[in-house]
Protein backbone atom coordinates (compact mmCIF):
# COMPACT_ATOMS: atom_id res chain seq x y z
CA MET A 1 -88.75 61.95 -12.83
CA HIS A 2 -85.12 62.68 -12.15
CA THR A 3 -83.49 64.50 -9.13
CA ARG A 4 -79.32 65.39 -8.05
CA GLU A 5 -78.56 67.39 -5.24
CA VAL A 6 -75.07 69.24 -6.19
CA THR A 7 -73.25 72.25 -3.99
CA ILE A 8 -73.82 75.47 -5.46
CA ARG A 9 -69.74 76.39 -5.51
CA ASN A 10 -69.12 79.95 -7.17
CA ALA A 11 -67.44 82.50 -4.17
CA SER A 12 -70.74 85.05 -4.83
CA GLY A 13 -73.61 82.03 -4.69
CA PHE A 14 -76.50 82.57 -7.06
CA HIS A 15 -76.71 85.55 -7.80
CA ILE A 16 -78.38 87.51 -11.37
CA ARG A 17 -75.76 86.24 -13.50
CA PRO A 18 -75.49 82.22 -12.60
CA ALA A 19 -79.34 82.56 -12.40
CA GLN A 20 -79.75 84.06 -15.91
CA LEU A 21 -77.47 81.18 -17.25
CA PHE A 22 -79.44 78.69 -15.14
CA SER A 23 -82.98 79.51 -16.24
CA GLU A 24 -81.54 80.20 -19.68
CA LYS A 25 -80.05 76.54 -20.26
CA ALA A 26 -83.18 74.93 -18.63
CA SER A 27 -85.19 76.95 -21.00
CA GLN A 28 -83.85 75.00 -23.80
CA PHE A 29 -85.38 71.50 -22.68
CA GLN A 30 -89.21 70.88 -22.81
CA SER A 31 -89.36 69.34 -19.09
CA THR A 32 -90.44 70.60 -16.04
CA ILE A 33 -88.06 71.35 -13.85
CA LEU A 34 -87.28 72.63 -10.20
CA ILE A 35 -84.90 73.78 -7.52
CA LYS A 36 -85.82 72.65 -4.25
CA PRO A 37 -83.13 74.08 -1.96
CA GLU A 38 -82.19 71.25 0.51
CA GLY A 39 -84.16 71.38 4.61
CA THR A 40 -86.60 73.52 2.93
CA ALA A 41 -90.10 72.85 1.55
CA ILE A 42 -89.55 75.92 -1.60
CA ALA A 43 -89.52 75.19 -5.37
CA ALA A 44 -88.55 77.42 -7.71
CA ASP A 45 -89.27 77.42 -11.26
CA ALA A 46 -85.65 76.57 -13.00
CA LYS A 47 -87.03 78.68 -16.26
CA SER A 48 -87.70 81.69 -14.20
CA ILE A 49 -84.65 84.03 -13.29
CA LEU A 50 -86.91 85.58 -10.93
CA GLY A 51 -87.92 82.08 -9.00
CA LEU A 52 -84.38 81.39 -8.90
CA MET A 53 -83.32 84.77 -7.27
CA THR A 54 -85.95 84.62 -4.61
CA LEU A 55 -84.17 81.36 -2.84
CA GLY A 56 -81.87 83.11 -1.78
CA LEU A 57 -78.81 80.24 -2.77
CA ASP A 58 -74.89 81.14 -0.94
CA LYS A 59 -71.63 79.36 -1.72
CA GLY A 60 -72.85 75.95 0.15
CA SER A 61 -76.15 75.86 -0.72
CA VAL A 62 -77.04 72.54 -2.13
CA ILE A 63 -80.00 72.32 -4.04
CA ALA A 64 -81.98 69.22 -5.86
CA ILE A 65 -82.01 69.33 -9.46
CA GLU A 66 -85.61 67.50 -10.40
CA ALA A 67 -87.10 67.34 -14.28
CA ASP A 68 -90.30 65.89 -15.05
CA GLY A 69 -90.65 65.28 -19.47
CA PRO A 70 -89.23 63.99 -22.43
CA ASP A 71 -85.59 64.87 -21.85
CA GLU A 72 -85.34 64.66 -17.64
CA ALA A 73 -81.88 63.16 -17.55
CA GLU A 74 -80.09 65.05 -20.03
CA ALA A 75 -81.76 68.35 -18.41
CA VAL A 76 -80.65 67.22 -14.71
CA ALA A 77 -76.88 66.53 -16.15
CA GLN A 78 -76.54 69.59 -17.79
CA LEU A 79 -77.56 71.99 -15.35
CA ALA A 80 -75.75 70.21 -12.79
CA GLU A 81 -72.88 70.51 -14.38
CA LEU A 82 -73.71 74.51 -15.38
CA VAL A 83 -73.97 74.42 -11.38
CA LEU A 84 -70.35 72.15 -10.12
CA SER A 85 -68.66 74.67 -12.91
CA GLY A 86 -68.84 77.67 -10.82
CA PHE A 87 -71.20 79.07 -14.05
CA GLY A 88 -67.65 80.01 -15.62
CA GLU A 89 -66.79 82.53 -12.36
CA ALA A 90 -63.40 81.72 -11.18
C-alpha cells in the first residue's frame, strides 16, 4: 500500500471538473485507489466521480491518496501531481 497526503489548491475546490479529471486518471491504474479527507473516517473510490463529489472538498482541504495494487506507487504519484497542479485551473 502506498499513501501520500496533498492539499487541494485550486480556488473552486474539488468540483465536477477536477473530480472528472481525477477519476479518469485513477481509472488508468489497476490498483484500488481511495481518497480520505483529513480528520474524517470517510473514504471514496477515486474511480467514482459521484464518490469524489460527495466528499465536499474545498480549497485547502487535505486528502490522503491511498493505493493498493501492482501500480500503486505510480498511481499515487500521478494523482498527487494532478492535485498539486490545481487541475490545470488558473
